[in-house]
Protein backbone atom coordinates (compact mmCIF):
# COMPACT_ATOMS: atom_id res chain seq x y z
CA MET A 1 149.98 113.65 -9.71
CA PHE A 2 150.97 113.17 -13.50
CA THR A 3 151.98 109.54 -12.43
CA LEU A 4 147.74 109.12 -11.55
CA PRO A 5 146.10 107.20 -15.08
CA GLN A 6 144.79 109.52 -16.99
CA PRO A 7 141.46 108.79 -20.02
CA SER A 8 142.59 108.26 -22.90
CA SER A 9 140.79 109.59 -25.97
CA PRO A 10 141.88 109.49 -29.56
CA ASP A 11 140.77 113.20 -29.90
CA THR A 12 143.36 114.01 -26.68
CA ASP A 13 146.45 111.96 -27.90
CA ASP A 14 148.04 114.71 -28.83
CA VAL A 15 146.92 117.04 -25.71
CA LYS A 16 149.02 117.41 -23.11
CA PRO A 17 147.80 116.37 -19.43
CA VAL A 18 146.51 119.13 -17.27
CA ILE A 19 146.48 118.32 -13.65
CA PRO A 20 143.77 121.03 -11.58
CA VAL A 21 145.07 122.94 -8.68
CA THR A 22 143.66 125.27 -6.45
CA GLU A 23 146.66 128.19 -6.30
CA SER A 24 147.49 130.79 -7.84
CA CYS A 25 149.40 131.30 -10.89
CA GLU A 26 152.42 133.20 -8.95
CA VAL A 27 152.06 130.53 -5.63
CA MET A 28 153.00 127.51 -7.98
CA THR A 29 155.75 129.74 -9.69
CA THR A 30 157.75 130.10 -6.26
CA LEU A 31 156.51 126.44 -5.02
CA LEU A 32 157.93 125.08 -8.18
CA ARG A 33 161.60 127.65 -8.09
CA PHE A 34 162.19 125.97 -4.63
CA VAL A 35 162.14 122.40 -5.83
CA TYR A 36 163.69 123.01 -8.41
CA PRO A 37 167.98 122.70 -9.57
CA LEU A 38 167.86 126.25 -9.23
CA PRO A 39 168.69 128.82 -6.97
CA ASP A 40 166.05 129.46 -4.54
CA PRO A 41 163.50 132.62 -5.51
CA HIS A 42 163.76 135.46 -2.76
CA LEU A 43 160.27 136.17 -1.00
CA SER A 44 160.02 140.22 -0.81
CA SER A 45 157.58 139.62 2.51
CA LEU A 46 155.79 138.00 5.03
CA ASP A 47 151.75 138.77 2.81
CA GLU A 48 153.23 136.20 0.10
CA PHE A 49 154.33 133.69 2.77
CA GLY A 50 150.93 131.25 4.03
CA PRO A 51 150.32 130.59 0.42
CA ILE A 52 153.55 128.94 -0.27
CA LEU A 53 153.92 127.13 2.88
CA ASP A 54 150.02 126.47 2.88
CA ALA A 55 151.10 124.37 -0.22
CA ALA A 56 154.32 123.39 0.29
CA ILE A 57 152.51 121.23 3.07
CA LYS A 58 148.89 120.14 0.99
CA TYR A 59 152.20 118.77 -1.58
CA ASP A 60 154.23 117.32 1.21
CA LEU A 61 157.94 119.16 -0.08
CA GLN A 62 159.40 118.58 3.04
CA ASN A 63 162.49 119.93 1.23
CA VAL A 64 161.14 123.53 0.90
CA ILE A 65 159.08 123.63 4.70
CA SER A 66 162.37 123.26 6.23
CA THR A 67 163.78 126.33 4.06
CA LEU A 68 160.46 128.85 4.30
CA ARG A 69 160.57 127.55 7.72
CA ARG A 70 164.36 129.11 8.22
CA PHE A 71 163.10 132.21 6.23
CA LEU A 72 159.95 132.80 8.32
CA CYS A 73 162.22 132.71 11.56
CA SER A 74 165.16 134.97 9.93
CA SER A 75 166.37 137.56 11.41
CA GLU A 76 164.84 140.50 9.66
CA ASN A 77 161.20 139.05 10.23
CA LEU A 78 162.38 138.90 13.37
CA ARG A 79 163.21 142.34 13.73
CA LYS A 80 160.41 143.49 11.78
CA SER A 81 157.43 141.60 11.94
CA PRO A 82 157.58 139.47 15.04
CA MET A 83 153.65 139.48 15.07
CA GLN A 84 152.90 138.27 12.09
CA VAL A 85 155.70 135.80 12.17
CA TYR A 86 153.94 134.50 15.74
CA ALA A 87 150.75 134.37 13.53
CA ILE A 88 151.80 132.52 10.41
CA ALA A 89 154.15 129.64 12.76
CA CYS A 90 150.75 129.51 15.05
CA ARG A 91 148.66 128.65 11.76
CA PHE A 92 150.88 126.11 10.67
CA ASP A 93 151.26 124.14 14.06
CA LEU A 94 154.80 125.77 13.91
CA GLU A 95 155.30 125.59 18.12
CA GLU A 96 159.18 126.00 17.95
CA GLU A 97 159.13 128.95 15.16
CA ALA A 98 156.04 130.48 17.53
CA GLN A 99 157.95 130.53 20.47
CA ILE A 100 160.68 131.85 18.81
CA ALA A 101 158.42 134.35 17.68
CA SER A 102 157.13 135.31 21.27
CA SER A 103 160.17 136.39 22.79
CA HIS A 104 160.60 138.55 19.60
CA THR A 105 157.26 140.12 20.57
CA LEU A 106 158.04 141.64 23.85
CA SER A 107 160.06 144.58 22.43
CA PHE A 108 156.62 145.41 21.25
CA ASN A 109 153.47 147.09 22.00
CA ILE A 110 151.42 144.04 20.77
CA LEU A 111 147.78 145.41 21.70
CA ASP A 112 148.67 148.87 20.42
CA GLY A 113 150.83 148.19 16.69
CA PRO A 114 149.55 147.81 13.00
CA SER A 115 146.93 144.22 13.05
CA ASP A 116 148.15 141.55 10.34
CA GLU A 117 145.80 139.79 8.41
CA ASP A 118 147.69 136.70 9.77
CA LEU A 119 145.96 137.62 12.66
CA LYS A 120 142.95 136.15 11.55
CA TYR A 121 144.12 132.43 10.94
CA ILE A 122 145.05 131.81 14.95
CA SER A 123 142.87 130.78 17.67
CA ALA A 124 142.02 133.27 20.88
CA TRP A 125 144.07 130.08 22.77
CA HIS A 126 147.28 131.48 20.33
CA TYR A 127 146.26 134.29 21.40
CA ARG A 128 145.67 134.41 24.93
CA ARG A 129 149.46 132.49 25.28
CA LEU A 130 151.10 135.69 24.20
CA LEU A 131 149.01 138.08 25.84
CA SER A 132 150.04 136.18 29.02
CA LEU A 133 153.81 135.78 28.64
CA HIS A 134 153.49 139.74 28.23
CA HIS A 135 151.43 140.60 31.47
CA THR A 136 153.53 137.53 33.05
CA ARG A 137 156.85 138.94 32.64
CA SER A 138 155.46 142.55 32.69
CA LYS A 139 153.80 141.73 36.05
CA ASN A 140 157.47 140.39 37.62
CA ALA A 141 159.25 142.65 35.93
CA GLN A 142 157.81 145.42 37.82
CA GLU A 143 157.74 143.55 40.85
CA ILE A 144 162.00 143.59 40.49
CA ILE A 145 162.45 147.25 40.74
CA ASP A 146 159.82 148.45 43.93
CA PRO A 147 161.04 150.74 45.83
CA THR A 148 161.75 148.37 48.90
CA ASN A 149 164.31 146.23 47.29
CA CYS A 150 166.89 149.41 46.45
CA PRO A 151 170.41 148.81 48.53
CA PRO A 152 169.54 151.46 52.07
CA GLU A 153 173.15 153.12 52.04
CA ILE A 154 172.24 154.11 48.01
CA LYS A 155 171.35 157.85 49.03
CA CYS A 156 171.51 161.08 47.87
CA MET A 157 174.07 163.89 49.57
CA GLN A 158 171.51 166.52 49.09
CA CYS A 159 167.17 164.76 48.20
CA ASN A 160 168.47 162.73 51.05
CA SER A 161 170.19 165.01 53.91
CA ALA A 162 166.77 165.76 55.84
CA PHE A 163 165.82 164.02 57.89
CA TYR A 164 162.46 163.41 56.99
CA THR A 165 163.89 161.98 53.85
CA SER A 166 167.76 159.97 54.77
CA HIS A 167 165.05 157.01 55.01
CA GLY A 168 164.31 157.33 51.47
CA GLN A 169 165.67 156.76 47.86
CA PRO A 170 166.94 159.15 46.20
CA LYS A 171 164.67 161.15 43.97
CA TRP A 172 165.71 159.90 40.88
CA TYR A 173 165.05 157.05 41.62
CA TYR A 174 161.27 156.93 42.31
CA ASP A 175 160.84 159.00 38.62
CA TRP A 176 162.61 156.49 36.76
CA GLU A 177 160.98 153.61 38.85
CA LYS A 178 157.59 155.56 37.35
CA GLN A 179 158.39 155.81 34.17
CA ALA A 180 160.28 152.45 33.68
CA LYS A 181 157.08 150.48 35.14
CA GLU A 182 154.90 152.09 32.79
CA GLU A 183 156.94 151.17 29.58
CA LEU A 184 157.26 147.55 30.91
CA ALA A 185 153.97 147.57 31.19
CA VAL A 186 153.82 147.94 27.12
CA ARG A 187 157.19 146.83 25.88
CA PRO A 188 158.06 143.78 29.46
CA VAL A 189 162.12 144.26 28.14
CA SER A 190 165.28 145.33 30.04
CA ASP A 191 166.95 147.58 27.22
CA VAL A 192 165.33 150.08 27.60
CA ILE A 193 164.83 150.88 31.42
CA PHE A 194 168.37 149.84 31.97
CA SER A 195 169.87 152.65 29.08
CA MET A 196 171.62 155.72 30.37
CA ASP A 197 169.55 157.34 28.10
CA PHE A 198 166.34 156.15 29.89
CA ILE A 199 167.81 157.22 33.45
CA ALA A 200 169.59 159.74 32.00
CA LYS A 201 166.28 161.28 31.62
CA ALA A 202 164.56 160.14 34.56
CA THR A 203 167.66 162.02 37.37
CA LYS A 204 167.29 165.17 35.36
CA ALA A 205 163.14 165.08 36.20
CA SER A 206 163.55 164.92 39.66
CA GLY A 207 164.62 168.50 39.73
CA CYS A 208 168.26 166.88 42.30
CA SER A 209 171.62 168.46 40.83
CA ARG A 210 172.82 166.06 43.14
CA CYS A 211 170.85 162.62 41.42
CA SER A 212 173.55 161.22 38.90
CA GLU A 213 176.03 160.57 42.02
CA SER A 214 173.76 158.24 43.17
CA VAL A 215 173.10 156.90 40.29
CA PHE A 216 177.14 155.73 39.93
CA GLN A 217 176.17 155.01 43.05
CA CYS A 218 174.10 151.87 42.39
CA TRP A 219 175.45 151.21 38.94
CA THR A 220 175.54 147.74 40.30
CA TRP A 221 172.51 147.12 41.54
CA LEU A 222 170.90 148.38 38.73
CA GLU A 223 172.90 145.31 36.73
CA GLN A 224 171.52 142.47 39.22
CA MET A 225 168.31 143.83 38.94
CA LYS A 226 168.57 143.57 34.49
CA GLN A 227 169.92 140.32 35.08
CA LYS A 228 166.97 139.02 36.99
CA MET A 229 164.98 140.67 34.62
CA ASP A 230 166.42 139.21 31.93
CA ALA A 231 166.56 135.31 33.93
CA LEU A 232 162.09 136.26 33.17
CA PRO A 233 160.77 133.67 30.94
CA THR A 234 161.16 134.38 27.93
CA THR A 235 158.79 132.54 25.35
CA ILE A 236 155.60 131.31 25.38
């Protein structure tokens, strides 16, 4: 910009050239600190990220763009604010970052969480892609834990001892299935429902004092279900 010809005037020869820009002082200061041979500035949050990336793209600062893209998908941002990362990535057509962020949103209830300001800048198509990922994965994950898939040899010595209960699954499994499907409906990932705490709560809720024995009996099968669930598509 500073190489563009400037009008010459005797009255302004000693005045430094001024190039008007639309960015704020804070944005330009941060942007220039990325360019200068100094340590990169610290970005405290994603809230200030959008205008800086927008300016870097506008002025075609490729090295700065690469640095900002790495910051966007940092482990901390993906852990704390995957929805905001996804929105920013979609806003600036960063498909790779959008895919990475979409997988991290699976651990969050995206319909009941706080609304990020960055969502205002993405299209309905981008948002629908994310909803479709959650819905499809939730549906397929719930099908995996259907009681009909339970091996017939999985029985509880107490609650399956009667003739009319011998053909079903242990009581704990029905309680676990119900709670697991509720969890998968909002967070379609396997980490929570296959944790010992989650299974223990279902076992306790069954009211059967011997159901815990059948939990260990079918642990291999539970691990197989978890592997099937983890193999489901995780990105848009």
